[in-house]
Amino acid sequence: MAVRTKARPSPTDEVPLYPAYGHLMRRQRHPIGVRGGPRRAPRGYQLSDNDQRQVRAAYELRVRQLARAVVTAGRQPGDATENLVGQLEQRIDALVHRAGFAPSVDAARDLVAHNTFTVDGGKVNRSSYLVQPGQTIEVRADRQCRAPVAMAEHAEGDAPPYLEVSSERFTATLTREPQRQEVPALRDVPLAVHSNEEVAR
């Protein structure tokens, strides 16, 4: 009895039936040359293109990161726009920048990734970590002499009202949830989160 050793997913494509070629069989439902196909962003809520550009520039986010934040904000109770602002501003990289420990959000992200900060005594190296009201961000003792962190000396007067900064102890405490008009990066942005049903009308 003959054993079949070839499969023909399409008239022009031959794939040997061996374990080493299993990935080719799994990819046959996608167009030739496309690996896995494009990923779709979460749906349900959206921002206008202009708002997206300004928010991404302010927080240095990728499109998919912002899309996830918008959908999460829309599903939470309350005003979706205020939820989005709170979610973006409570990221540890944004708060590190607001406290003056880093000159930009991108620099703050690098510092966070290199275990420079602790939150309530525990190490945090994920820049998307959401700091809750009452939690304290502190610079680790062995990192306090480094140049980007030394900017905290000038940050107390410039810190937003929801952030309490101590330059002597190299700490920043989130006292309450940020409000949209208090966030320096979004104060002049006409931000509005819309559901897809509202946009379709």
N, C-alpha and C. Protein backbone atom coordinates (compact mmCIF):
# COMPACT_ATOMS: atom_id res chain seq x y z
N MET A 1 0.85 -1.19 0.00
CA MET A 1 0.00 0.00 0.00
C MET A 1 0.88 1.24 0.00
N ALA A 2 0.60 2.18 -0.88
CA ALA A 2 1.40 3.40 -1.00
C ALA A 2 1.09 4.35 0.15
N VAL A 3 2.12 5.01 0.66
CA VAL A 3 1.97 5.99 1.74
C VAL A 3 2.12 7.39 1.15
N ARG A 4 1.15 8.22 1.42
CA ARG A 4 1.19 9.58 0.88
C ARG A 4 2.23 10.40 1.64
N THR A 5 3.12 11.04 0.93
CA THR A 5 4.17 11.85 1.57
C THR A 5 4.09 13.31 1.18
N LYS A 6 3.08 13.70 0.41
CA LYS A 6 2.94 15.09 0.01
C LYS A 6 1.51 15.54 0.24
N ALA A 7 1.36 16.81 0.61
CA ALA A 7 0.02 17.40 0.72
C ALA A 7 -0.03 18.60 -0.20
N ARG A 8 -1.19 18.85 -0.76
CA ARG A 8 -1.33 19.98 -1.69
C ARG A 8 -2.38 20.95 -1.16
N PRO A 9 -1.96 21.93 -0.29
CA PRO A 9 -2.92 22.92 0.20
C PRO A 9 -3.49 23.78 -0.92
N SER A 10 -2.70 23.99 -1.97
CA SER A 10 -3.17 24.74 -3.13
C SER A 10 -2.56 24.10 -4.36
N PRO A 11 -3.09 24.35 -5.54
CA PRO A 11 -2.57 23.70 -6.75
C PRO A 11 -1.10 23.99 -7.01
N THR A 12 -0.59 25.10 -6.49
CA THR A 12 0.79 25.48 -6.80
C THR A 12 1.74 25.25 -5.63
N ASP A 13 1.29 24.61 -4.55
CA ASP A 13 2.11 24.48 -3.36
C ASP A 13 2.17 23.03 -2.91
N GLU A 14 3.36 22.50 -2.71
CA GLU A 14 3.55 21.16 -2.21
C GLU A 14 4.27 21.22 -0.87
N VAL A 15 3.74 20.52 0.15
CA VAL A 15 4.34 20.53 1.48
C VAL A 15 4.57 19.10 1.92
N PRO A 16 5.82 18.68 2.19
CA PRO A 16 6.06 17.31 2.67
C PRO A 16 5.40 17.08 4.02
N LEU A 17 4.87 15.88 4.25
CA LEU A 17 4.19 15.56 5.51
C LEU A 17 5.20 15.02 6.53
N TYR A 18 6.12 15.86 6.98
CA TYR A 18 7.06 15.51 8.02
C TYR A 18 6.91 16.50 9.17
N PRO A 19 7.21 16.12 10.41
CA PRO A 19 7.06 17.06 11.54
C PRO A 19 7.81 18.36 11.36
N ALA A 20 8.97 18.31 10.71
CA ALA A 20 9.77 19.52 10.56
C ALA A 20 9.06 20.56 9.70
N TYR A 21 8.08 20.11 8.87
CA TYR A 21 7.40 21.04 8.00
C TYR A 21 5.99 21.36 8.50
N GLY A 22 5.71 21.07 9.77
CA GLY A 22 4.37 21.31 10.30
C GLY A 22 3.98 22.77 10.28
N HIS A 23 4.97 23.66 10.45
CA HIS A 23 4.64 25.09 10.47
C HIS A 23 4.11 25.55 9.12
N LEU A 24 4.55 24.89 8.03
CA LEU A 24 4.03 25.27 6.72
C LEU A 24 2.57 24.88 6.57
N MET A 25 2.19 23.73 7.16
CA MET A 25 0.79 23.33 7.11
C MET A 25 -0.09 24.27 7.91
N ARG A 26 0.44 24.76 9.04
CA ARG A 26 -0.36 25.67 9.86
C ARG A 26 -0.52 27.02 9.20
N ARG A 27 0.39 27.40 8.34
CA ARG A 27 0.35 28.72 7.70
C ARG A 27 -0.44 28.73 6.39
N GLN A 28 -0.97 27.57 5.96
CA GLN A 28 -1.57 27.53 4.64
C GLN A 28 -2.84 28.37 4.54
N ARG A 29 -3.46 28.74 5.69
CA ARG A 29 -4.68 29.54 5.61
C ARG A 29 -4.37 31.02 5.39
N HIS A 30 -3.09 31.42 5.47
CA HIS A 30 -2.71 32.81 5.26
C HIS A 30 -2.13 32.98 3.86
N PRO A 31 -2.16 34.18 3.32
CA PRO A 31 -1.58 34.40 2.00
C PRO A 31 -0.09 34.06 2.00
N ILE A 32 0.41 33.70 0.85
CA ILE A 32 1.83 33.35 0.72
C ILE A 32 2.68 34.57 1.06
N GLY A 33 3.67 34.37 1.92
CA GLY A 33 4.56 35.47 2.30
C GLY A 33 4.12 36.22 3.53
N VAL A 34 2.92 35.94 4.07
CA VAL A 34 2.44 36.63 5.26
C VAL A 34 2.55 35.67 6.44
N ARG A 35 3.26 36.07 7.48
CA ARG A 35 3.48 35.20 8.63
C ARG A 35 2.42 35.47 9.69
N GLY A 36 1.41 34.64 9.74
CA GLY A 36 0.41 34.76 10.80
C GLY A 36 -0.67 35.79 10.55
N GLY A 37 -0.50 36.68 9.59
CA GLY A 37 -1.51 37.68 9.32
C GLY A 37 -1.44 38.84 10.29
N PRO A 38 -2.05 39.96 9.96
CA PRO A 38 -1.99 41.15 10.83
C PRO A 38 -2.86 40.98 12.07
N ARG A 39 -2.42 41.59 13.17
CA ARG A 39 -3.21 41.58 14.39
C ARG A 39 -4.18 42.75 14.38
N ARG A 40 -5.35 42.52 14.90
CA ARG A 40 -6.35 43.58 14.96
C ARG A 40 -6.33 44.24 16.32
N ALA A 41 -6.48 45.56 16.31
CA ALA A 41 -6.56 46.29 17.57
C ALA A 41 -7.91 46.03 18.23
N PRO A 42 -7.97 46.11 19.56
CA PRO A 42 -9.26 45.91 20.24
C PRO A 42 -10.30 46.92 19.75
N ARG A 43 -11.55 46.48 19.65
CA ARG A 43 -12.60 47.34 19.13
C ARG A 43 -13.60 47.69 20.23
N GLY A 44 -14.40 48.71 19.96
CA GLY A 44 -15.44 49.11 20.89
C GLY A 44 -15.42 50.60 21.18
N TYR A 45 -14.23 51.18 21.36
CA TYR A 45 -14.09 52.61 21.65
C TYR A 45 -12.90 53.14 20.86
N GLN A 46 -12.92 54.42 20.58
CA GLN A 46 -11.83 54.98 19.79
C GLN A 46 -11.67 56.47 20.05
N LEU A 47 -10.48 56.98 19.65
CA LEU A 47 -10.17 58.41 19.67
C LEU A 47 -10.08 58.90 18.24
N SER A 48 -10.20 60.19 18.05
CA SER A 48 -9.98 60.75 16.72
C SER A 48 -8.49 60.65 16.38
N ASP A 49 -8.18 60.74 15.11
CA ASP A 49 -6.79 60.61 14.67
C ASP A 49 -5.90 61.68 15.28
N ASN A 50 -6.42 62.90 15.37
CA ASN A 50 -5.62 63.99 15.94
C ASN A 50 -5.35 63.75 17.42
N ASP A 51 -6.36 63.29 18.16
CA ASP A 51 -6.18 63.00 19.58
C ASP A 51 -5.18 61.86 19.76
N GLN A 52 -5.27 60.85 18.91
CA GLN A 52 -4.33 59.74 19.00
C GLN A 52 -2.90 60.20 18.83
N ARG A 53 -2.67 61.07 17.85
CA ARG A 53 -1.30 61.55 17.61
C ARG A 53 -0.76 62.31 18.82
N GLN A 54 -1.60 63.16 19.40
CA GLN A 54 -1.13 63.98 20.52
C GLN A 54 -0.90 63.14 21.78
N VAL A 55 -1.79 62.19 22.04
CA VAL A 55 -1.63 61.34 23.22
C VAL A 55 -0.42 60.43 23.06
N ARG A 56 -0.24 59.86 21.88
CA ARG A 56 0.92 59.00 21.66
C ARG A 56 2.22 59.77 21.78
N ALA A 57 2.23 61.02 21.30
CA ALA A 57 3.44 61.84 21.43
C ALA A 57 3.71 62.21 22.88
N ALA A 58 2.65 62.46 23.65
CA ALA A 58 2.83 62.86 25.05
C ALA A 58 3.34 61.72 25.91
N TYR A 59 2.87 60.49 25.64
CA TYR A 59 3.24 59.34 26.48
C TYR A 59 4.15 58.34 25.75
N GLU A 60 4.47 58.63 24.48
CA GLU A 60 5.36 57.80 23.68
C GLU A 60 4.90 56.34 23.68
N LEU A 61 3.64 56.16 23.26
CA LEU A 61 3.02 54.83 23.22
C LEU A 61 2.90 54.34 21.79
N ARG A 62 2.85 53.02 21.63
CA ARG A 62 2.54 52.43 20.34
C ARG A 62 1.03 52.46 20.12
N VAL A 63 0.62 52.28 18.88
CA VAL A 63 -0.81 52.35 18.53
C VAL A 63 -1.59 51.30 19.31
N ARG A 64 -1.06 50.09 19.38
CA ARG A 64 -1.79 49.01 20.05
C ARG A 64 -1.89 49.26 21.55
N GLN A 65 -0.85 49.84 22.17
CA GLN A 65 -0.91 50.16 23.60
C GLN A 65 -2.02 51.15 23.88
N LEU A 66 -2.09 52.20 23.06
CA LEU A 66 -3.14 53.21 23.25
C LEU A 66 -4.52 52.62 23.00
N ALA A 67 -4.65 51.75 21.99
CA ALA A 67 -5.95 51.13 21.69
C ALA A 67 -6.44 50.31 22.88
N ARG A 68 -5.55 49.56 23.50
CA ARG A 68 -5.95 48.78 24.67
C ARG A 68 -6.37 49.68 25.82
N ALA A 69 -5.64 50.79 26.03
CA ALA A 69 -5.99 51.72 27.11
C ALA A 69 -7.35 52.36 26.86
N VAL A 70 -7.64 52.69 25.61
CA VAL A 70 -8.94 53.32 25.28
C VAL A 70 -10.08 52.34 25.54
N VAL A 71 -9.92 51.09 25.12
CA VAL A 71 -10.98 50.10 25.32
C VAL A 71 -11.19 49.84 26.81
N THR A 72 -10.10 49.73 27.57
CA THR A 72 -10.23 49.51 29.02
C THR A 72 -10.92 50.68 29.69
N ALA A 73 -10.57 51.91 29.29
CA ALA A 73 -11.20 53.10 29.87
C ALA A 73 -12.69 53.16 29.55
N GLY A 74 -13.06 52.75 28.34
CA GLY A 74 -14.47 52.79 27.95
C GLY A 74 -15.32 51.78 28.70
N ARG A 75 -14.72 50.66 29.08
CA ARG A 75 -15.47 49.62 29.78
C ARG A 75 -15.59 49.86 31.28
N GLN A 76 -14.82 50.80 31.81
CA GLN A 76 -14.90 51.10 33.24
C GLN A 76 -16.08 52.03 33.51
N PRO A 77 -16.65 51.98 34.72
CA PRO A 77 -17.75 52.90 35.04
C PRO A 77 -17.27 54.34 35.11
N GLY A 78 -18.15 55.27 34.78
CA GLY A 78 -17.79 56.68 34.82
C GLY A 78 -17.46 57.21 33.43
N ASP A 79 -16.91 58.43 33.40
CA ASP A 79 -16.56 59.10 32.15
C ASP A 79 -15.36 58.41 31.53
N ALA A 80 -15.49 57.96 30.28
CA ALA A 80 -14.41 57.22 29.61
C ALA A 80 -13.17 58.09 29.41
N THR A 81 -13.36 59.38 29.14
CA THR A 81 -12.21 60.26 28.92
C THR A 81 -11.40 60.43 30.19
N GLU A 82 -12.09 60.65 31.32
CA GLU A 82 -11.38 60.78 32.60
C GLU A 82 -10.70 59.46 32.98
N ASN A 83 -11.35 58.35 32.68
CA ASN A 83 -10.74 57.05 32.96
C ASN A 83 -9.45 56.87 32.16
N LEU A 84 -9.48 57.30 30.90
CA LEU A 84 -8.29 57.18 30.05
C LEU A 84 -7.15 58.04 30.57
N VAL A 85 -7.48 59.27 30.95
CA VAL A 85 -6.44 60.17 31.48
C VAL A 85 -5.83 59.59 32.75
N GLY A 86 -6.68 59.09 33.65
CA GLY A 86 -6.16 58.50 34.88
C GLY A 86 -5.29 57.28 34.60
N GLN A 87 -5.71 56.46 33.64
CA GLN A 87 -4.95 55.25 33.33
C GLN A 87 -3.58 55.59 32.74
N LEU A 88 -3.53 56.60 31.86
CA LEU A 88 -2.26 56.98 31.25
C LEU A 88 -1.34 57.67 32.25
N GLU A 89 -1.92 58.53 33.07
CA GLU A 89 -1.11 59.33 33.98
C GLU A 89 -0.64 58.52 35.19
N GLN A 90 -1.31 57.43 35.52
CA GLN A 90 -0.90 56.61 36.65
C GLN A 90 0.14 55.56 36.27
N ARG A 91 0.53 55.53 35.00
CA ARG A 91 1.65 54.66 34.62
C ARG A 91 2.91 55.14 35.33
N ILE A 92 3.74 54.20 35.75
CA ILE A 92 4.91 54.58 36.53
C ILE A 92 5.90 55.41 35.72
N ASP A 93 5.99 55.17 34.40
CA ASP A 93 6.93 55.97 33.61
C ASP A 93 6.48 57.43 33.53
N ALA A 94 5.15 57.66 33.43
CA ALA A 94 4.65 59.03 33.39
C ALA A 94 4.87 59.74 34.73
N LEU A 95 4.63 59.04 35.84
CA LEU A 95 4.80 59.65 37.16
C LEU A 95 6.27 59.92 37.46
N VAL A 96 7.17 59.05 37.02
CA VAL A 96 8.60 59.28 37.22
C VAL A 96 9.03 60.55 36.48
N HIS A 97 8.50 60.73 35.28
CA HIS A 97 8.81 61.96 34.53
C HIS A 97 8.21 63.19 35.20
N ARG A 98 6.95 63.10 35.66
CA ARG A 98 6.31 64.25 36.33
C ARG A 98 7.04 64.62 37.62
N ALA A 99 7.58 63.62 38.31
CA ALA A 99 8.29 63.89 39.56
C ALA A 99 9.65 64.54 39.33
N GLY A 100 10.12 64.53 38.10
CA GLY A 100 11.41 65.13 37.80
C GLY A 100 12.58 64.18 37.89
N PHE A 101 12.31 62.89 38.03
CA PHE A 101 13.39 61.92 38.10
C PHE A 101 13.97 61.59 36.73
N ALA A 102 13.29 62.00 35.65
CA ALA A 102 13.77 61.74 34.29
C ALA A 102 13.34 62.90 33.40
N PRO A 103 14.15 63.25 32.41
CA PRO A 103 13.82 64.41 31.56
C PRO A 103 12.71 64.16 30.56
N SER A 104 12.36 62.88 30.31
CA SER A 104 11.30 62.56 29.36
C SER A 104 10.67 61.22 29.76
N VAL A 105 9.53 60.92 29.14
CA VAL A 105 8.87 59.64 29.42
C VAL A 105 9.73 58.49 28.93
N ASP A 106 10.39 58.67 27.79
CA ASP A 106 11.24 57.61 27.26
C ASP A 106 12.42 57.33 28.18
N ALA A 107 13.03 58.39 28.72
CA ALA A 107 14.13 58.20 29.68
C ALA A 107 13.62 57.54 30.96
N ALA A 108 12.42 57.93 31.39
CA ALA A 108 11.83 57.30 32.57
C ALA A 108 11.58 55.83 32.35
N ARG A 109 11.16 55.46 31.14
CA ARG A 109 10.92 54.06 30.83
C ARG A 109 12.22 53.24 30.93
N ASP A 110 13.33 53.83 30.48
CA ASP A 110 14.62 53.13 30.59
C ASP A 110 15.02 52.95 32.05
N LEU A 111 14.81 53.98 32.86
CA LEU A 111 15.16 53.88 34.28
C LEU A 111 14.32 52.83 34.98
N VAL A 112 13.03 52.79 34.65
CA VAL A 112 12.15 51.79 35.27
C VAL A 112 12.59 50.39 34.87
N ALA A 113 12.93 50.21 33.60
CA ALA A 113 13.32 48.88 33.12
C ALA A 113 14.60 48.38 33.77
N HIS A 114 15.44 49.32 34.26
CA HIS A 114 16.71 48.94 34.89
C HIS A 114 16.61 48.91 36.42
N ASN A 115 15.40 48.69 36.93
CA ASN A 115 15.18 48.51 38.37
C ASN A 115 15.68 49.69 39.20
N THR A 116 15.44 50.91 38.73
CA THR A 116 15.88 52.09 39.46
C THR A 116 14.90 52.46 40.57
N PHE A 117 13.63 52.07 40.45
CA PHE A 117 12.61 52.52 41.39
C PHE A 117 11.94 51.35 42.10
N THR A 118 11.40 51.66 43.26
CA THR A 118 10.56 50.73 43.99
C THR A 118 9.21 51.39 44.25
N VAL A 119 8.17 50.59 44.37
CA VAL A 119 6.83 51.08 44.72
C VAL A 119 6.44 50.42 46.02
N ASP A 120 6.33 51.22 47.07
CA ASP A 120 6.06 50.70 48.41
C ASP A 120 7.06 49.62 48.82
N GLY A 121 8.32 49.82 48.43
CA GLY A 121 9.38 48.90 48.82
C GLY A 121 9.61 47.74 47.89
N GLY A 122 8.73 47.51 46.93
CA GLY A 122 8.89 46.39 46.00
C GLY A 122 9.40 46.87 44.65
N LYS A 123 10.31 46.10 44.05
CA LYS A 123 10.88 46.47 42.76
C LYS A 123 9.82 46.41 41.67
N VAL A 124 9.88 47.40 40.78
CA VAL A 124 8.99 47.43 39.61
C VAL A 124 9.85 47.75 38.40
N ASN A 125 9.83 46.88 37.39
CA ASN A 125 10.61 47.14 36.18
C ASN A 125 9.75 47.11 34.93
N ARG A 126 8.44 47.28 35.10
CA ARG A 126 7.50 47.30 33.97
C ARG A 126 6.93 48.70 33.86
N SER A 127 7.19 49.38 32.74
CA SER A 127 6.81 50.78 32.61
C SER A 127 5.31 51.00 32.57
N SER A 128 4.52 49.97 32.24
CA SER A 128 3.07 50.11 32.20
C SER A 128 2.40 49.87 33.56
N TYR A 129 3.19 49.65 34.60
CA TYR A 129 2.65 49.41 35.94
C TYR A 129 1.83 50.63 36.37
N LEU A 130 0.60 50.38 36.86
CA LEU A 130 -0.28 51.47 37.29
C LEU A 130 -0.14 51.68 38.79
N VAL A 131 0.33 52.87 39.15
CA VAL A 131 0.49 53.24 40.56
C VAL A 131 -0.86 53.65 41.10
N GLN A 132 -1.24 53.12 42.26
CA GLN A 132 -2.53 53.42 42.87
C GLN A 132 -2.38 54.58 43.86
N PRO A 133 -3.45 55.36 44.10
CA PRO A 133 -3.37 56.45 45.08
C PRO A 133 -2.91 55.95 46.45
N GLY A 134 -1.96 56.67 47.03
CA GLY A 134 -1.39 56.28 48.31
C GLY A 134 -0.07 55.55 48.19
N GLN A 135 0.25 55.03 47.01
CA GLN A 135 1.52 54.34 46.83
C GLN A 135 2.66 55.33 46.61
N THR A 136 3.87 54.93 47.03
CA THR A 136 5.04 55.80 46.96
C THR A 136 6.09 55.21 46.04
N ILE A 137 6.54 56.02 45.11
CA ILE A 137 7.66 55.65 44.23
C ILE A 137 8.93 56.17 44.87
N GLU A 138 9.93 55.32 45.00
CA GLU A 138 11.19 55.72 45.64
C GLU A 138 12.37 55.26 44.79
N VAL A 139 13.37 56.12 44.71
CA VAL A 139 14.60 55.77 44.01
C VAL A 139 15.43 54.88 44.92
N ARG A 140 15.92 53.76 44.37
CA ARG A 140 16.74 52.88 45.18
C ARG A 140 18.00 53.61 45.66
N ALA A 141 18.46 53.28 46.85
CA ALA A 141 19.57 54.01 47.48
C ALA A 141 20.83 54.00 46.63
N ASP A 142 21.12 52.90 45.94
CA ASP A 142 22.34 52.82 45.15
C ASP A 142 22.22 53.51 43.80
N ARG A 143 21.04 54.08 43.47
CA ARG A 143 20.86 54.78 42.20
C ARG A 143 20.65 56.28 42.38
N GLN A 144 20.66 56.78 43.61
CA GLN A 144 20.29 58.17 43.85
C GLN A 144 21.34 59.17 43.38
N CYS A 145 22.56 58.75 43.16
CA CYS A 145 23.61 59.67 42.76
C CYS A 145 23.74 59.81 41.25
N ARG A 146 22.93 59.08 40.47
CA ARG A 146 23.06 59.12 39.03
C ARG A 146 22.40 60.36 38.45
N ALA A 147 22.92 60.83 37.31
CA ALA A 147 22.54 62.13 36.76
C ALA A 147 21.05 62.29 36.48
N PRO A 148 20.37 61.36 35.77
CA PRO A 148 18.94 61.59 35.48
C PRO A 148 18.10 61.71 36.74
N VAL A 149 18.45 60.95 37.78
CA VAL A 149 17.68 60.96 39.01
C VAL A 149 17.96 62.23 39.81
N ALA A 150 19.13 62.82 39.66
CA ALA A 150 19.49 64.01 40.44
C ALA A 150 18.61 65.21 40.09
N MET A 151 17.83 65.14 39.03
CA MET A 151 16.93 66.24 38.67
C MET A 151 15.81 66.42 39.68
N ALA A 152 15.63 65.49 40.60
CA ALA A 152 14.56 65.58 41.59
C ALA A 152 14.71 66.80 42.49
N GLU A 153 15.90 67.36 42.58
CA GLU A 153 16.11 68.55 43.42
C GLU A 153 15.26 69.72 42.95
N HIS A 154 14.94 69.79 41.65
CA HIS A 154 14.20 70.93 41.11
C HIS A 154 12.73 70.60 40.85
N ALA A 155 12.25 69.46 41.33
CA ALA A 155 10.93 68.99 40.92
C ALA A 155 9.80 69.36 41.87
N GLU A 156 10.09 69.73 43.10
CA GLU A 156 9.01 69.91 44.07
C GLU A 156 8.03 70.98 43.66
N GLY A 157 8.55 72.14 43.17
CA GLY A 157 7.65 73.23 42.79
C GLY A 157 6.92 72.96 41.48
N ASP A 158 7.46 72.11 40.63
CA ASP A 158 6.88 71.84 39.32
C ASP A 158 5.97 70.63 39.30
N ALA A 159 5.89 69.90 40.37
CA ALA A 159 5.09 68.67 40.39
C ALA A 159 3.60 69.00 40.33
N PRO A 160 2.81 68.20 39.63
CA PRO A 160 1.35 68.43 39.58
C PRO A 160 0.73 68.21 40.96
N PRO A 161 -0.49 68.73 41.18
CA PRO A 161 -1.09 68.70 42.53
C PRO A 161 -1.39 67.30 43.06
N TYR A 162 -1.50 66.30 42.20
CA TYR A 162 -1.80 64.95 42.68
C TYR A 162 -0.54 64.16 43.03
N LEU A 163 0.63 64.80 42.91
CA LEU A 163 1.89 64.12 43.16
C LEU A 163 2.69 64.88 44.21
N GLU A 164 3.07 64.18 45.26
CA GLU A 164 3.83 64.79 46.35
C GLU A 164 5.28 64.32 46.25
N VAL A 165 6.18 65.26 45.94
CA VAL A 165 7.58 64.91 45.68
C VAL A 165 8.45 65.39 46.83
N SER A 166 9.35 64.53 47.29
CA SER A 166 10.33 64.89 48.30
C SER A 166 11.72 64.70 47.71
N SER A 167 12.44 65.82 47.51
CA SER A 167 13.77 65.74 46.90
C SER A 167 14.81 65.21 47.86
N GLU A 168 14.59 65.39 49.19
CA GLU A 168 15.57 64.87 50.15
C GLU A 168 15.54 63.36 50.22
N ARG A 169 14.34 62.79 50.17
CA ARG A 169 14.21 61.33 50.29
C ARG A 169 14.09 60.63 48.95
N PHE A 170 14.09 61.40 47.85
CA PHE A 170 13.95 60.84 46.51
C PHE A 170 12.69 59.98 46.41
N THR A 171 11.57 60.55 46.83
CA THR A 171 10.30 59.83 46.76
C THR A 171 9.24 60.69 46.08
N ALA A 172 8.25 60.03 45.53
CA ALA A 172 7.08 60.69 44.95
C ALA A 172 5.86 59.86 45.30
N THR A 173 4.86 60.49 45.94
CA THR A 173 3.65 59.79 46.37
C THR A 173 2.46 60.28 45.58
N LEU A 174 1.71 59.33 45.01
CA LEU A 174 0.47 59.68 44.31
C LEU A 174 -0.62 59.83 45.36
N THR A 175 -1.06 61.05 45.59
CA THR A 175 -2.02 61.32 46.68
C THR A 175 -3.46 61.01 46.28
N ARG A 176 -3.80 61.15 45.00
CA ARG A 176 -5.16 60.88 44.53
C ARG A 176 -5.12 60.66 43.02
N GLU A 177 -6.25 60.30 42.47
CA GLU A 177 -6.31 60.05 41.03
C GLU A 177 -6.19 61.37 40.27
N PRO A 178 -5.41 61.39 39.19
CA PRO A 178 -5.25 62.64 38.42
C PRO A 178 -6.54 63.04 37.71
N GLN A 179 -6.77 64.33 37.60
CA GLN A 179 -7.88 64.87 36.84
C GLN A 179 -7.35 65.42 35.51
N ARG A 180 -8.21 65.42 34.52
CA ARG A 180 -7.75 65.78 33.17
C ARG A 180 -7.14 67.18 33.12
N GLN A 181 -7.74 68.16 33.76
CA GLN A 181 -7.25 69.53 33.67
C GLN A 181 -5.94 69.74 34.45
N GLU A 182 -5.58 68.78 35.28
CA GLU A 182 -4.35 68.91 36.06
C GLU A 182 -3.14 68.27 35.38
N VAL A 183 -3.39 67.49 34.33
CA VAL A 183 -2.30 66.79 33.65
C VAL A 183 -1.65 67.73 32.65
N PRO A 184 -0.37 68.06 32.81
CA PRO A 184 0.26 69.03 31.91
C PRO A 184 0.24 68.62 30.44
N ALA A 185 0.43 67.33 30.17
CA ALA A 185 0.53 66.88 28.78
C ALA A 185 -0.81 66.90 28.05
N LEU A 186 -1.94 66.84 28.77
CA LEU A 186 -3.26 66.73 28.14
C LEU A 186 -4.16 67.93 28.40
N ARG A 187 -3.61 68.95 29.04
CA ARG A 187 -4.45 70.10 29.44
C ARG A 187 -5.06 70.79 28.23
N ASP A 188 -4.31 70.89 27.14
CA ASP A 188 -4.78 71.62 25.95
C ASP A 188 -5.24 70.70 24.83
N VAL A 189 -5.40 69.43 25.12
CA VAL A 189 -5.84 68.47 24.10
C VAL A 189 -7.34 68.28 24.22
N PRO A 190 -8.13 68.52 23.15
CA PRO A 190 -9.59 68.32 23.22
C PRO A 190 -9.92 66.82 23.16
N LEU A 191 -9.60 66.13 24.23
CA LEU A 191 -9.67 64.68 24.27
C LEU A 191 -11.10 64.21 24.47
N ALA A 192 -11.52 63.20 23.70
CA ALA A 192 -12.87 62.63 23.86
C ALA A 192 -12.85 61.19 23.36
N VAL A 193 -13.29 60.26 24.23
CA VAL A 193 -13.38 58.84 23.87
C VAL A 193 -14.80 58.57 23.38
N HIS A 194 -14.93 58.02 22.17
CA HIS A 194 -16.24 57.73 21.58
C HIS A 194 -16.38 56.22 21.40
N SER A 195 -17.60 55.74 21.58
CA SER A 195 -17.88 54.34 21.24
C SER A 195 -18.12 54.25 19.74
N ASN A 196 -17.97 53.06 19.19
CA ASN A 196 -18.17 52.89 17.75
C ASN A 196 -19.60 53.18 17.35
N GLU A 197 -20.57 52.96 18.26
CA GLU A 197 -21.97 53.25 17.95
C GLU A 197 -22.18 54.74 17.78
N GLU A 198 -21.51 55.55 18.62
CA GLU A 198 -21.65 57.00 18.50
C GLU A 198 -21.04 57.50 17.20
N VAL A 199 -19.91 56.92 16.80
CA VAL A 199 -19.26 57.36 15.56
C VAL A 199 -20.09 56.98 14.35
N ALA A 200 -20.81 55.86 14.42
CA ALA A 200 -21.59 55.39 13.26
C ALA A 200 -22.84 56.22 13.01
N ARG A 201 -23.31 56.95 14.03
CA ARG A 201 -24.56 57.72 13.85
C ARG A 201 -24.34 58.92 12.96
